Amino acid sequence: MAGFPQQRPRRLRVNAATRRMVAETRVHPASLILPLFVREGLDAPREVTSMPGVLQHTRDSLRKAVVSAAQSGIGGVMLFGIPAERDAVGSAGIDPDGILNQAIGDVISEIGDSLVVMSDLCLDEFTDHGHCGVLDSEGKVDNDSTLEQYARMAVVQAEAGAHMLGTSGMMDGQVGRVREALDAAGHTDTSILAYAVKYASACFGPFREAVESTLEGDRRTYQQDPANLRDALREVTLDVDEGADIVMVKPALPYLDVLAAVADTVNVPVAAYQVSGEYAMVEAAARNGWIDREQMILETLTSIRRAGAEMICTYWAEDAARLLRERY
């Protein structure tokens, strides 16, 4: 039949310029957040073997890294500290002279407000047992004692200059207690990025190498069960009610349905963390020649954005910013 078919969706895919023009989902470099690790006692940066291209930084190399990040046009950095010594209560995370708090000051002095400087507000990098909180006499994580440590840690990080604190420990009431402590100390402008939905995932393995985790066992009593969605939405609602400025879903790719549900539920910005295992799987497949690395970076980020994330924490932040500039 002449003229059949009349509806030809392929007309809008005919060339790259047309595809760009009608794209429904766009990732912008300013929406990307780069995680960065700084380790006490290093003489030179050291690569994380399970995360090719990701480094444990010295304080000096971290300064250079954040300058590069600012020049790339991304939106922010998330700082993680690895101390030389650890104890049962994570004292190095609360010490103003601890590695993470020193690094926050270094970064602020280097780039000021050119990037949003975020800091990880959790004890797991600083405890000798590797859990995200203080343990009770039976070896279980003591939720309420941990909240008091978080409150102290939050004030120290804010005083070091962090713009935004990432409450990642998954303790009940953590956002409210941190908000209360910040406000009481006069840090009313310091914002909270709540890790509201953080699943007990196998995707965190390479991160634990990056921070030299001492964890034995697992975190299933406080991180969320991968089987549950209602529980995730409950956590999100509680965190928003307690004062979260942004809520995050972590990991990203295995939980795009959760991310979409969160975005439909809340009236605050939504973030997602494309975690170490997601990064490592793509890098390993690319090194074996099984996938196109650059295309996969952009495809995964686009899918996370399409699901509802307005900002994405990703180890590819600088690479992605470059690819976005080149291709779009």
C-alpha atoms as a PDB file:
ATOM      1  CA  MET A   1       0.000   0.000   0.000  1.00  0.00           C
ATOM      2  CA  ALA A   2       1.407   3.382  -1.069  1.00  0.00           C
ATOM      3  CA  GLY A   3       2.488   5.556   1.799  1.00  0.00           C
ATOM      4  CA  PHE A   4       2.361   2.763   4.362  1.00  0.00           C
ATOM      5  CA  PRO A   5       3.401   3.033   7.149  1.00  0.00           C
ATOM      6  CA  GLN A   6       2.475   6.669   7.768  1.00  0.00           C
ATOM      7  CA  GLN A   7       3.867   6.610  11.328  1.00  0.00           C
ATOM      8  CA  ARG A   8       7.653   6.304  11.149  1.00  0.00           C
ATOM      9  CA  PRO A   9       9.318   6.896  14.547  1.00  0.00           C
ATOM     10  CA  ARG A  10      12.682   6.270  12.874  1.00  0.00           C
ATOM     11  CA  ARG A  11      12.464   9.741  11.303  1.00  0.00           C
ATOM     12  CA  LEU A  12      13.561  11.151  14.659  1.00  0.00           C
ATOM     13  CA  ARG A  13      16.569   8.828  14.811  1.00  0.00           C
ATOM     14  CA  VAL A  14      17.913   9.543  11.347  1.00  0.00           C
ATOM     15  CA  ASN A  15      21.105  11.308  12.466  1.00  0.00           C
ATOM     16  CA  ALA A  16      22.977  12.371  15.596  1.00  0.00           C
ATOM     17  CA  ALA A  17      21.753  15.976  15.432  1.00  0.00           C
ATOM     18  CA  THR A  18      18.108  14.891  15.397  1.00  0.00           C
ATOM     19  CA  ARG A  19      18.658  12.392  18.184  1.00  0.00           C
ATOM     20  CA  ARG A  20      20.276  15.077  20.320  1.00  0.00           C
ATOM     21  CA  MET A  21      17.447  17.505  19.678  1.00  0.00           C
ATOM     22  CA  VAL A  22      14.668  15.133  20.737  1.00  0.00           C
ATOM     23  CA  ALA A  23      16.466  13.420  23.623  1.00  0.00           C
ATOM     24  CA  GLU A  24      14.059  13.141  26.562  1.00  0.00           C
ATOM     25  CA  THR A  25      16.722  12.597  29.207  1.00  0.00           C
ATOM     26  CA  ARG A  26      19.927  14.587  29.556  1.00  0.00           C
ATOM     27  CA  VAL A  27      22.793  14.235  31.985  1.00  0.00           C
ATOM     28  CA  HIS A  28      24.592  17.492  32.759  1.00  0.00           C
ATOM     29  CA  PRO A  29      28.135  17.600  34.187  1.00  0.00           C
ATOM     30  CA  ALA A  30      26.939  19.865  37.002  1.00  0.00           C
ATOM     31  CA  SER A  31      24.720  17.027  38.256  1.00  0.00           C
ATOM     32  CA  LEU A  32      27.705  14.708  38.806  1.00  0.00           C
ATOM     33  CA  ILE A  33      29.517  14.154  42.118  1.00  0.00           C
ATOM     34  CA  LEU A  34      33.008  12.623  42.302  1.00  0.00           C
ATOM     35  CA  PRO A  35      33.905  10.437  45.311  1.00  0.00           C
ATOM     36  CA  LEU A  36      37.500  10.946  46.466  1.00  0.00           C
ATOM     37  CA  PHE A  37      39.562   9.011  49.006  1.00  0.00           C
ATOM     38  CA  VAL A  38      42.358  10.506  51.112  1.00  0.00           C
ATOM     39  CA  ARG A  39      44.601   8.275  53.207  1.00  0.00           C
ATOM     40  CA  GLU A  40      46.718   9.297  56.131  1.00  0.00           C
ATOM     41  CA  GLY A  41      50.423   8.465  55.867  1.00  0.00           C
ATOM     42  CA  LEU A  42      50.773   7.983  52.114  1.00  0.00           C
ATOM     43  CA  ASP A  43      53.841   9.385  50.361  1.00  0.00           C
ATOM     44  CA  ALA A  44      52.227   9.123  46.917  1.00  0.00           C
ATOM     45  CA  PRO A  45      48.776   8.343  45.501  1.00  0.00           C
ATOM     46  CA  ARG A  46      47.935   4.631  45.358  1.00  0.00           C
ATOM     47  CA  GLU A  47      45.539   2.951  42.943  1.00  0.00           C
ATOM     48  CA  VAL A  48      42.710   0.805  44.273  1.00  0.00           C
ATOM     49  CA  THR A  49      43.310  -2.521  42.544  1.00  0.00           C
ATOM     50  CA  SER A  50      39.635  -3.458  42.205  1.00  0.00           C
ATOM     51  CA  MET A  51      38.776   0.021  40.863  1.00  0.00           C
ATOM     52  CA  PRO A  52      41.207   0.844  38.044  1.00  0.00           C
ATOM     53  CA  GLY A  53      41.794   4.585  37.799  1.00  0.00           C
ATOM     54  CA  VAL A  54      40.539   5.307  41.340  1.00  0.00           C
ATOM     55  CA  LEU A  55      43.168   6.440  43.836  1.00  0.00           C
ATOM     56  CA  GLN A  56      43.784   6.723  47.508  1.00  0.00           C
ATOM     57  CA  HIS A  57      45.119  10.287  47.639  1.00  0.00           C
ATOM     58  CA  THR A  58      47.649  12.060  49.747  1.00  0.00           C
ATOM     59  CA  ARG A  59      46.572  15.453  51.047  1.00  0.00           C
ATOM     60  CA  ASP A  60      48.664  17.111  48.313  1.00  0.00           C
ATOM     61  CA  SER A  61      47.344  14.969  45.469  1.00  0.00           C
ATOM     62  CA  LEU A  62      43.802  15.503  46.753  1.00  0.00           C
ATOM     63  CA  ARG A  63      44.264  19.245  46.342  1.00  0.00           C
ATOM     64  CA  LYS A  64      45.242  18.710  42.713  1.00  0.00           C
ATOM     65  CA  ALA A  65      42.352  16.310  42.168  1.00  0.00           C
ATOM     66  CA  VAL A  66      39.732  18.788  43.355  1.00  0.00           C
ATOM     67  CA  VAL A  67      41.171  21.534  41.146  1.00  0.00           C
ATOM     68  CA  SER A  68      40.846  19.172  38.177  1.00  0.00           C
ATOM     69  CA  ALA A  69      37.304  18.291  39.256  1.00  0.00           C
ATOM     70  CA  ALA A  70      36.323  21.953  39.438  1.00  0.00           C
ATOM     71  CA  GLN A  71      37.781  22.616  35.997  1.00  0.00           C
ATOM     72  CA  SER A  72      35.827  19.685  34.535  1.00  0.00           C
ATOM     73  CA  GLY A  73      32.504  21.348  35.310  1.00  0.00           C
ATOM     74  CA  ILE A  74      31.115  18.691  37.624  1.00  0.00           C
ATOM     75  CA  GLY A  75      28.940  19.697  40.548  1.00  0.00           C
ATOM     76  CA  GLY A  76      30.652  18.369  43.649  1.00  0.00           C
ATOM     77  CA  VAL A  77      33.011  16.008  45.405  1.00  0.00           C
ATOM     78  CA  MET A  78      32.353  13.527  48.219  1.00  0.00           C
ATOM     79  CA  LEU A  79      35.317  13.031  50.547  1.00  0.00           C
ATOM     80  CA  PHE A  80      36.181   9.819  52.392  1.00  0.00           C
ATOM     81  CA  GLY A  81      39.028   9.589  54.902  1.00  0.00           C
ATOM     82  CA  ILE A  82      41.215   6.600  55.775  1.00  0.00           C
ATOM     83  CA  PRO A  83      43.081   7.027  59.075  1.00  0.00           C
ATOM     84  CA  ALA A  84      46.370   5.433  60.076  1.00  0.00           C
ATOM     85  CA  GLU A  85      44.889   4.220  63.371  1.00  0.00           C
ATOM     86  CA  ARG A  86      41.389   3.112  64.352  1.00  0.00           C
ATOM     87  CA  ASP A  87      39.594   2.379  67.577  1.00  0.00           C
ATOM     88  CA  ALA A  88      36.256   1.027  68.777  1.00  0.00           C
ATOM     89  CA  VAL A  89      34.428   4.363  68.685  1.00  0.00           C
ATOM     90  CA  GLY A  90      35.936   5.935  65.563  1.00  0.00           C
ATOM     91  CA  SER A  91      37.815   8.695  67.386  1.00  0.00           C
ATOM     92  CA  ALA A  92      39.809   9.702  64.301  1.00  0.00           C
ATOM     93  CA  GLY A  93      36.586  10.735  62.581  1.00  0.00           C
ATOM     94  CA  ILE A  94      35.726  13.157  65.366  1.00  0.00           C
ATOM     95  CA  ASP A  95      39.224  14.575  65.856  1.00  0.00           C
ATOM     96  CA  PRO A  96      39.475  18.027  64.182  1.00  0.00           C
ATOM     97  CA  ASP A  97      43.008  17.032  63.197  1.00  0.00           C
ATOM     98  CA  GLY A  98      41.882  13.695  61.761  1.00  0.00           C
ATOM     99  CA  ILE A  99      42.614  12.979  58.115  1.00  0.00           C
ATOM    100  CA  LEU A 100      39.092  13.578  56.802  1.00  0.00           C
ATOM    101  CA  ASN A 101      38.625  16.858  58.632  1.00  0.00           C
ATOM    102  CA  GLN A 102      42.044  18.087  57.547  1.00  0.00           C
ATOM    103  CA  ALA A 103      41.201  17.116  53.980  1.00  0.00           C
ATOM    104  CA  ILE A 104      37.931  19.049  54.095  1.00  0.00           C
ATOM    105  CA  GLY A 105      39.875  22.149  55.104  1.00  0.00           C
ATOM    106  CA  ASP A 106      42.451  21.533  52.378  1.00  0.00           C
ATOM    107  CA  VAL A 107      39.773  21.233  49.711  1.00  0.00           C
ATOM    108  CA  ILE A 108      37.866  24.317  50.831  1.00  0.00           C
ATOM    109  CA  SER A 109      41.069  26.376  50.887  1.00  0.00           C
ATOM    110  CA  GLU A 110      41.907  25.138  47.389  1.00  0.00           C
ATOM    111  CA  ILE A 111      38.596  25.566  45.542  1.00  0.00           C
ATOM    112  CA  GLY A 112      36.259  27.425  47.907  1.00  0.00           C
ATOM    113  CA  ASP A 113      32.725  27.391  46.562  1.00  0.00           C
ATOM    114  CA  SER A 114      33.687  26.257  43.047  1.00  0.00           C
ATOM    115  CA  LEU A 115      32.321  22.817  43.928  1.00  0.00           C
ATOM    116  CA  VAL A 116      29.914  21.546  46.528  1.00  0.00           C
ATOM    117  CA  VAL A 117      32.248  19.939  49.071  1.00  0.00           C
ATOM    118  CA  MET A 118      30.543  16.941  50.680  1.00  0.00           C
ATOM    119  CA  SER A 119      31.922  14.735  53.426  1.00  0.00           C
ATOM    120  CA  ASP A 120      31.030  11.199  54.416  1.00  0.00           C
ATOM    121  CA  LEU A 121      29.402  11.198  57.846  1.00  0.00           C
ATOM    122  CA  CYS A 122      29.917   7.624  58.991  1.00  0.00           C
ATOM    123  CA  LEU A 123      32.155   5.778  61.426  1.00  0.00           C
ATOM    124  CA  ASP A 124      32.965   2.691  59.384  1.00  0.00           C
ATOM    125  CA  GLU A 125      36.258   4.028  58.017  1.00  0.00           C
ATOM    126  CA  PHE A 126      37.364   4.943  61.537  1.00  0.00           C
ATOM    127  CA  THR A 127      36.318   1.962  63.689  1.00  0.00           C
ATOM    128  CA  ASP A 128      38.605  -1.013  64.253  1.00  0.00           C
ATOM    129  CA  HIS A 129      35.633  -3.383  63.884  1.00  0.00           C
ATOM    130  CA  GLY A 130      34.505  -1.807  60.599  1.00  0.00           C
ATOM    131  CA  HIS A 131      30.877  -1.222  61.549  1.00  0.00           C
ATOM    132  CA  CYS A 132      29.089   2.070  60.966  1.00  0.00           C
ATOM    133  CA  GLY A 133      28.485   2.605  64.656  1.00  0.00           C
ATOM    134  CA  VAL A 134      29.477   2.012  68.234  1.00  0.00           C
ATOM    135  CA  LEU A 135      29.084  -1.554  69.524  1.00  0.00           C
ATOM    136  CA  ASP A 136      27.342  -2.531  72.747  1.00  0.00           C
ATOM    137  CA  SER A 137      28.539  -5.136  75.261  1.00  0.00           C
ATOM    138  CA  GLU A 138      27.144  -7.931  73.078  1.00  0.00           C
ATOM    139  CA  GLY A 139      28.918  -6.712  69.943  1.00  0.00           C
ATOM    140  CA  LYS A 140      25.789  -5.295  68.318  1.00  0.00           C
ATOM    141  CA  VAL A 141      25.613  -1.821  66.818  1.00  0.00           C
ATOM    142  CA  ASP A 142      24.161   0.541  69.434  1.00  0.00           C
ATOM    143  CA  ASN A 143      21.913   2.883  67.458  1.00  0.00           C
ATOM    144  CA  ASP A 144      21.500   5.678  70.023  1.00  0.00           C
ATOM    145  CA  SER A 145      25.115   5.801  71.193  1.00  0.00           C
ATOM    146  CA  THR A 146      26.101   5.982  67.545  1.00  0.00           C
ATOM    147  CA  LEU A 147      23.827   8.992  67.027  1.00  0.00           C
ATOM    148  CA  GLU A 148      25.813  10.919  69.615  1.00  0.00           C
ATOM    149  CA  GLN A 149      29.044  10.148  67.778  1.00  0.00           C
ATOM    150  CA  TYR A 150      27.445  11.263  64.517  1.00  0.00           C
ATOM    151  CA  ALA A 151      26.354  14.518  66.137  1.00  0.00           C
ATOM    152  CA  ARG A 152      29.916  15.276  67.244  1.00  0.00           C
ATOM    153  CA  MET A 153      31.314  14.228  63.879  1.00  0.00           C
ATOM    154  CA  ALA A 154      28.843  16.434  62.020  1.00  0.00           C
ATOM    155  CA  VAL A 155      29.820  19.566  63.938  1.00  0.00           C
ATOM    156  CA  VAL A 156      33.528  18.912  63.381  1.00  0.00           C
ATOM    157  CA  GLN A 157      33.015  18.409  59.630  1.00  0.00           C
ATOM    158  CA  ALA A 158      30.923  21.563  59.395  1.00  0.00           C
ATOM    159  CA  GLU A 159      33.559  23.526  61.273  1.00  0.00           C
ATOM    160  CA  ALA A 160      36.187  22.183  58.863  1.00  0.00           C
ATOM    161  CA  GLY A 161      34.150  23.797  56.082  1.00  0.00           C
ATOM    162  CA  ALA A 162      32.049  21.038  54.483  1.00  0.00           C
ATOM    163  CA  HIS A 163      29.057  22.415  52.601  1.00  0.00           C
ATOM    164  CA  MET A 164      27.047  19.201  52.800  1.00  0.00           C
ATOM    165  CA  LEU A 165      27.194  16.119  55.013  1.00  0.00           C
ATOM    166  CA  GLY A 166      26.413  12.648  53.693  1.00  0.00           C
ATOM    167  CA  THR A 167      24.679  10.733  56.478  1.00  0.00           C
ATOM    168  CA  SER A 168      25.495   7.235  55.290  1.00  0.00           C
ATOM    169  CA  GLY A 169      25.405   5.115  58.464  1.00  0.00           C
ATOM    170  CA  MET A 170      21.757   3.973  58.276  1.00  0.00           C
ATOM    171  CA  MET A 171      21.010   4.525  61.959  1.00  0.00           C
ATOM    172  CA  ASP A 172      17.424   5.310  62.939  1.00  0.00           C
ATOM    173  CA  GLY A 173      17.067   9.026  63.674  1.00  0.00           C
ATOM    174  CA  GLN A 174      20.452  10.012  62.273  1.00  0.00           C
ATOM    175  CA  VAL A 175      19.225  12.903  60.140  1.00  0.00           C
ATOM    176  CA  GLY A 176      17.225  14.474  62.950  1.00  0.00           C
ATOM    177  CA  ARG A 177      20.064  14.173  65.476  1.00  0.00           C
ATOM    178  CA  VAL A 178      22.619  15.593  63.037  1.00  0.00           C
ATOM    179  CA  ARG A 179      20.316  18.475  62.090  1.00  0.00           C
ATOM    180  CA  GLU A 180      19.776  19.252  65.751  1.00  0.00           C
ATOM    181  CA  ALA A 181      23.517  19.245  66.477  1.00  0.00           C
ATOM    182  CA  LEU A 182      24.370  21.401  63.464  1.00  0.00           C
ATOM    183  CA  ASP A 183      21.731  23.993  64.295  1.00  0.00           C
ATOM    184  CA  ALA A 184      22.748  24.137  67.952  1.00  0.00           C
ATOM    185  CA  ALA A 185      26.343  24.810  66.882  1.00  0.00           C
ATOM    186  CA  GLY A 186      25.293  27.597  64.513  1.00  0.00           C
ATOM    187  CA  HIS A 187      25.733  25.623  61.278  1.00  0.00           C
ATOM    188  CA  THR A 188      22.219  26.179  60.008  1.00  0.00           C
ATOM    189  CA  ASP A 189      23.435  26.546  56.413  1.00  0.00           C
ATOM    190  CA  THR A 190      25.222  23.182  56.347  1.00  0.00           C
ATOM    191  CA  SER A 191      22.988  20.847  54.370  1.00  0.00           C
ATOM    192  CA  ILE A 192      22.322  17.130  54.758  1.00  0.00           C
ATOM    193  CA  LEU A 193      22.478  14.585  51.953  1.00  0.00           C
ATOM    194  CA  ALA A 194      20.707  11.632  53.539  1.00  0.00           C
ATOM    195  CA  TYR A 195      21.631   8.145  52.405  1.00  0.00           C
ATOM    196  CA  ALA A 196      17.976   7.386  52.938  1.00  0.00           C
ATOM    197  CA  VAL A 197      17.944   4.160  50.925  1.00  0.00           C
ATOM    198  CA  LYS A 198      21.125   2.130  51.321  1.00  0.00           C
ATOM    199  CA  TYR A 199      20.814  -1.568  50.638  1.00  0.00           C
ATOM    200  CA  ALA A 200      23.005  -4.331  52.100  1.00  0.00           C
ATOM    201  CA  SER A 201      24.532  -4.932  48.684  1.00  0.00           C
ATOM    202  CA  ALA A 202      27.320  -7.070  47.253  1.00  0.00           C
ATOM    203  CA  CYS A 203      28.165  -4.067  45.079  1.00  0.00           C
ATOM    204  CA  PHE A 204      30.109  -2.420  47.916  1.00  0.00           C
ATOM    205  CA  GLY A 205      33.048  -4.841  47.796  1.00  0.00           C
ATOM    206  CA  PRO A 206      35.602  -2.683  45.953  1.00  0.00           C
ATOM    207  CA  PHE A 207      34.785   0.317  48.162  1.00  0.00           C
ATOM    208  CA  ARG A 208      35.800  -1.719  51.184  1.00  0.00           C
ATOM    209  CA  GLU A 209      39.208  -2.217  49.593  1.00  0.00           C
ATOM    210  CA  ALA A 210      39.421   1.515  48.913  1.00  0.00           C
ATOM    211  CA  VAL A 211      38.845   2.393  52.584  1.00  0.00           C
ATOM    212  CA  GLU A 212      40.740  -0.658  53.887  1.00  0.00           C
ATOM    213  CA  SER A 213      37.668  -1.840  55.749  1.00  0.00           C
ATOM    214  CA  THR A 214      38.186  -4.061  58.783  1.00  0.00           C
ATOM    215  CA  LEU A 215      34.587  -5.297  58.758  1.00  0.00           C
ATOM    216  CA  GLU A 216      33.874  -8.873  59.763  1.00  0.00           C
ATOM    217  CA  GLY A 217      30.365 -10.125  59.198  1.00  0.00           C
ATOM    218  CA  ASP A 218      27.817  -7.889  57.497  1.00  0.00           C
ATOM    219  CA  ARG A 219      25.626  -4.822  57.973  1.00  0.00           C
ATOM    220  CA  ARG A 220      22.239  -6.412  57.408  1.00  0.00           C
ATOM    221  CA  THR A 221      20.846  -5.290  60.768  1.00  0.00           C
ATOM    222  CA  TYR A 222      20.983  -1.644  59.688  1.00  0.00           C
ATOM    223  CA  GLN A 223      21.312  -1.488  55.903  1.00  0.00           C
ATOM    224  CA  GLN A 224      18.175  -2.391  53.979  1.00  0.00           C
ATOM    225  CA  ASP A 225      17.041  -5.732  52.616  1.00  0.00           C
ATOM    226  CA  PRO A 226      17.287  -5.804  48.794  1.00  0.00           C
ATOM    227  CA  ALA A 227      13.886  -7.491  48.694  1.00  0.00           C
ATOM    228  CA  ASN A 228      12.027  -4.503  50.133  1.00  0.00           C
ATOM    229  CA  LEU A 229      10.586  -1.370  48.538  1.00  0.00           C
ATOM    230  CA  ARG A 230       8.038  -0.239  51.148  1.00  0.00           C
ATOM    231  CA  ASP A 231      10.765  -0.195  53.762  1.00  0.00           C
ATOM    232  CA  ALA A 232      12.851   2.066  51.525  1.00  0.00           C
ATOM    233  CA  LEU A 233      10.014   4.538  51.070  1.00  0.00           C
ATOM    234  CA  ARG A 234       9.414   4.563  54.817  1.00  0.00           C
ATOM    235  CA  GLU A 235      13.074   5.428  55.412  1.00  0.00           C
ATOM    236  CA  VAL A 236      12.911   8.214  52.846  1.00  0.00           C
ATOM    237  CA  THR A 237       9.811   9.734  54.409  1.00  0.00           C
ATOM    238  CA  LEU A 238      11.373   9.645  57.861  1.00  0.00           C
ATOM    239  CA  ASP A 239      14.563  11.323  56.650  1.00  0.00           C
ATOM    240  CA  VAL A 240      12.661  14.101  54.902  1.00  0.00           C
ATOM    241  CA  ASP A 241      10.562  14.654  58.023  1.00  0.00           C
ATOM    242  CA  GLU A 242      13.773  14.865  60.086  1.00  0.00           C
ATOM    243  CA  GLY A 243      15.225  17.578  57.860  1.00  0.00           C
ATOM    244  CA  ALA A 244      17.063  15.951  54.961  1.00  0.00           C
ATOM    245  CA  ASP A 245      17.784  18.435  52.187  1.00  0.00           C
ATOM    246  CA  ILE A 246      18.500  15.712  49.593  1.00  0.00           C
ATOM    247  CA  VAL A 247      17.810  11.974  49.711  1.00  0.00           C
ATOM    248  CA  MET A 248      19.983   9.333  48.076  1.00  0.00           C
ATOM    249  CA  VAL A 249      19.455   5.805  46.764  1.00  0.00           C
ATOM    250  CA  LYS A 250      22.485   3.482  46.903  1.00  0.00           C
ATOM    251  CA  PRO A 251      23.404   1.421  44.850  1.00  0.00           C
ATOM    252  CA  ALA A 252      21.898   2.807  41.650  1.00  0.00           C
ATOM    253  CA  LEU A 253      21.612   0.350  38.766  1.00  0.00           C
ATOM    254  CA  PRO A 254      20.185  -2.675  40.661  1.00  0.00           C
ATOM    255  CA  TYR A 255      17.595  -0.379  42.260  1.00  0.00           C
ATOM    256  CA  LEU A 256      16.290   1.841  39.454  1.00  0.00           C
ATOM    257  CA  ASP A 257      12.726   0.857  40.366  1.00  0.00           C
ATOM    258  CA  VAL A 258      13.330   2.048  43.927  1.00  0.00           C
ATOM    259  CA  LEU A 259      14.887   5.250  42.634  1.00  0.00           C
ATOM    260  CA  ALA A 260      11.822   5.952  40.483  1.00  0.00           C
ATOM    261  CA  ALA A 261       9.493   5.296  43.407  1.00  0.00           C
ATOM    262  CA  VAL A 262      11.505   7.618  45.663  1.00  0.00           C
ATOM    263  CA  ALA A 263      11.452  10.374  43.042  1.00  0.00           C
ATOM    264  CA  ASP A 264       7.674  10.054  42.856  1.00  0.00           C
ATOM    265  CA  THR A 265       7.332  10.191  46.643  1.00  0.00           C
ATOM    266  CA  VAL A 266       9.398  13.124  47.910  1.00  0.00           C
ATOM    267  CA  ASN A 267       9.479  16.878  47.357  1.00  0.00           C
ATOM    268  CA  VAL A 268      13.232  17.274  47.853  1.00  0.00           C
ATOM    269  CA  PRO A 269      16.020  16.597  45.326  1.00  0.00           C
ATOM    270  CA  VAL A 270      16.906  12.948  44.741  1.00  0.00           C
ATOM    271  CA  ALA A 271      20.419  11.591  44.270  1.00  0.00           C
ATOM    272  CA  ALA A 272      21.804   8.161  43.420  1.00  0.00           C
ATOM    273  CA  TYR A 273      25.210   6.629  44.077  1.00  0.00           C
ATOM    274  CA  GLN A 274      26.670   4.564  41.253  1.00  0.00           C
ATOM    275  CA  VAL A 275      28.789   2.484  43.589  1.00  0.00           C
ATOM    276  CA  SER A 276      32.173   0.781  43.412  1.00  0.00           C
ATOM    277  CA  GLY A 277      30.869  -2.584  42.265  1.00  0.00           C
ATOM    278  CA  GLU A 278      28.955  -1.011  39.401  1.00  0.00           C
ATOM    279  CA  TYR A 279      32.134   0.806  38.362  1.00  0.00           C
ATOM    280  CA  ALA A 280      34.330  -2.291  38.718  1.00  0.00           C
ATOM    281  CA  MET A 281      32.035  -4.519  36.642  1.00  0.00           C
ATOM    282  CA  VAL A 282      32.014  -2.108  33.710  1.00  0.00           C
ATOM    283  CA  GLU A 283      35.764  -1.487  33.895  1.00  0.00           C
ATOM    284  CA  ALA A 284      36.505  -5.222  34.018  1.00  0.00           C
ATOM    285  CA  ALA A 285      34.237  -5.989  31.068  1.00  0.00           C
ATOM    286  CA  ALA A 286      35.723  -3.116  29.069  1.00  0.00           C
ATOM    287  CA  ARG A 287      39.282  -4.269  29.750  1.00  0.00           C
ATOM    288  CA  ASN A 288      38.331  -7.693  28.413  1.00  0.00           C
ATOM    289  CA  GLY A 289      36.943  -6.099  25.245  1.00  0.00           C
ATOM    290  CA  TRP A 290      33.393  -7.227  25.963  1.00  0.00           C
ATOM    291  CA  ILE A 291      31.737  -3.787  25.987  1.00  0.00           C
ATOM    292  CA  ASP A 292      32.349  -0.237  24.788  1.00  0.00           C
ATOM    293  CA  ARG A 293      33.488   1.521  27.969  1.00  0.00           C
ATOM    294  CA  GLU A 294      32.595   5.097  27.036  1.00  0.00           C
ATOM    295  CA  GLN A 295      29.195   4.204  25.638  1.00  0.00           C
ATOM    296  CA  MET A 296      28.458   2.154  28.737  1.00  0.00           C
ATOM    297  CA  ILE A 297      29.391   5.034  31.047  1.00  0.00           C
ATOM    298  CA  LEU A 298      26.926   7.344  29.337  1.00  0.00           C
ATOM    299  CA  GLU A 299      24.245   4.674  29.029  1.00  0.00           C
ATOM    300  CA  THR A 300      24.331   3.810  32.716  1.00  0.00           C
ATOM    301  CA  LEU A 301      24.293   7.461  33.793  1.00  0.00           C
ATOM    302  CA  THR A 302      21.398   8.202  31.457  1.00  0.00           C
ATOM    303  CA  SER A 303      19.401   5.307  32.871  1.00  0.00           C
ATOM    304  CA  ILE A 304      19.956   6.566  36.423  1.00  0.00           C
ATOM    305  CA  ARG A 305      18.919  10.067  35.412  1.00  0.00           C
ATOM    306  CA  ARG A 306      15.863   8.736  33.560  1.00  0.00           C
ATOM    307  CA  ALA A 307      14.771   6.828  36.660  1.00  0.00           C
ATOM    308  CA  GLY A 308      14.622  10.083  38.607  1.00  0.00           C
ATOM    309  CA  ALA A 309      18.034  11.019  40.002  1.00  0.00           C
ATOM    310  CA  GLU A 310      18.727  14.741  39.749  1.00  0.00           C
ATOM    311  CA  MET A 311      22.335  14.199  40.772  1.00  0.00           C
ATOM    312  CA  ILE A 312      24.588  11.161  40.523  1.00  0.00           C
ATOM    313  CA  CYS A 313      27.594  10.249  42.626  1.00  0.00           C
ATOM    314  CA  THR A 314      29.910   8.353  40.274  1.00  0.00           C
ATOM    315  CA  TYR A 315      33.594   7.486  39.998  1.00  0.00           C
ATOM    316  CA  TRP A 316      33.291   8.409  36.311  1.00  0.00           C
ATOM    317  CA  ALA A 317      32.246  12.000  37.029  1.00  0.00           C
ATOM    318  CA  GLU A 318      35.197  13.632  35.252  1.00  0.00           C
ATOM    319  CA  ASP A 319      35.247  11.103  32.397  1.00  0.00           C
ATOM    320  CA  ALA A 320      31.516  11.551  31.927  1.00  0.00           C
ATOM    321  CA  ALA A 321      31.783  15.340  31.946  1.00  0.00           C
ATOM    322  CA  ARG A 322      34.358  15.131  29.160  1.00  0.00           C
ATOM    323  CA  LEU A 323      32.262  12.688  27.128  1.00  0.00           C
ATOM    324  CA  LEU A 324      29.163  14.846  27.504  1.00  0.00           C
ATOM    325  CA  ARG A 325      31.032  17.890  26.249  1.00  0.00           C
ATOM    326  CA  GLU A 326      32.468  15.963  23.293  1.00  0.00           C
ATOM    327  CA  ARG A 327      29.284  14.217  22.219  1.00  0.00           C
ATOM    328  CA  TYR A 328      26.547  16.644  23.116  1.00  0.00           C
END
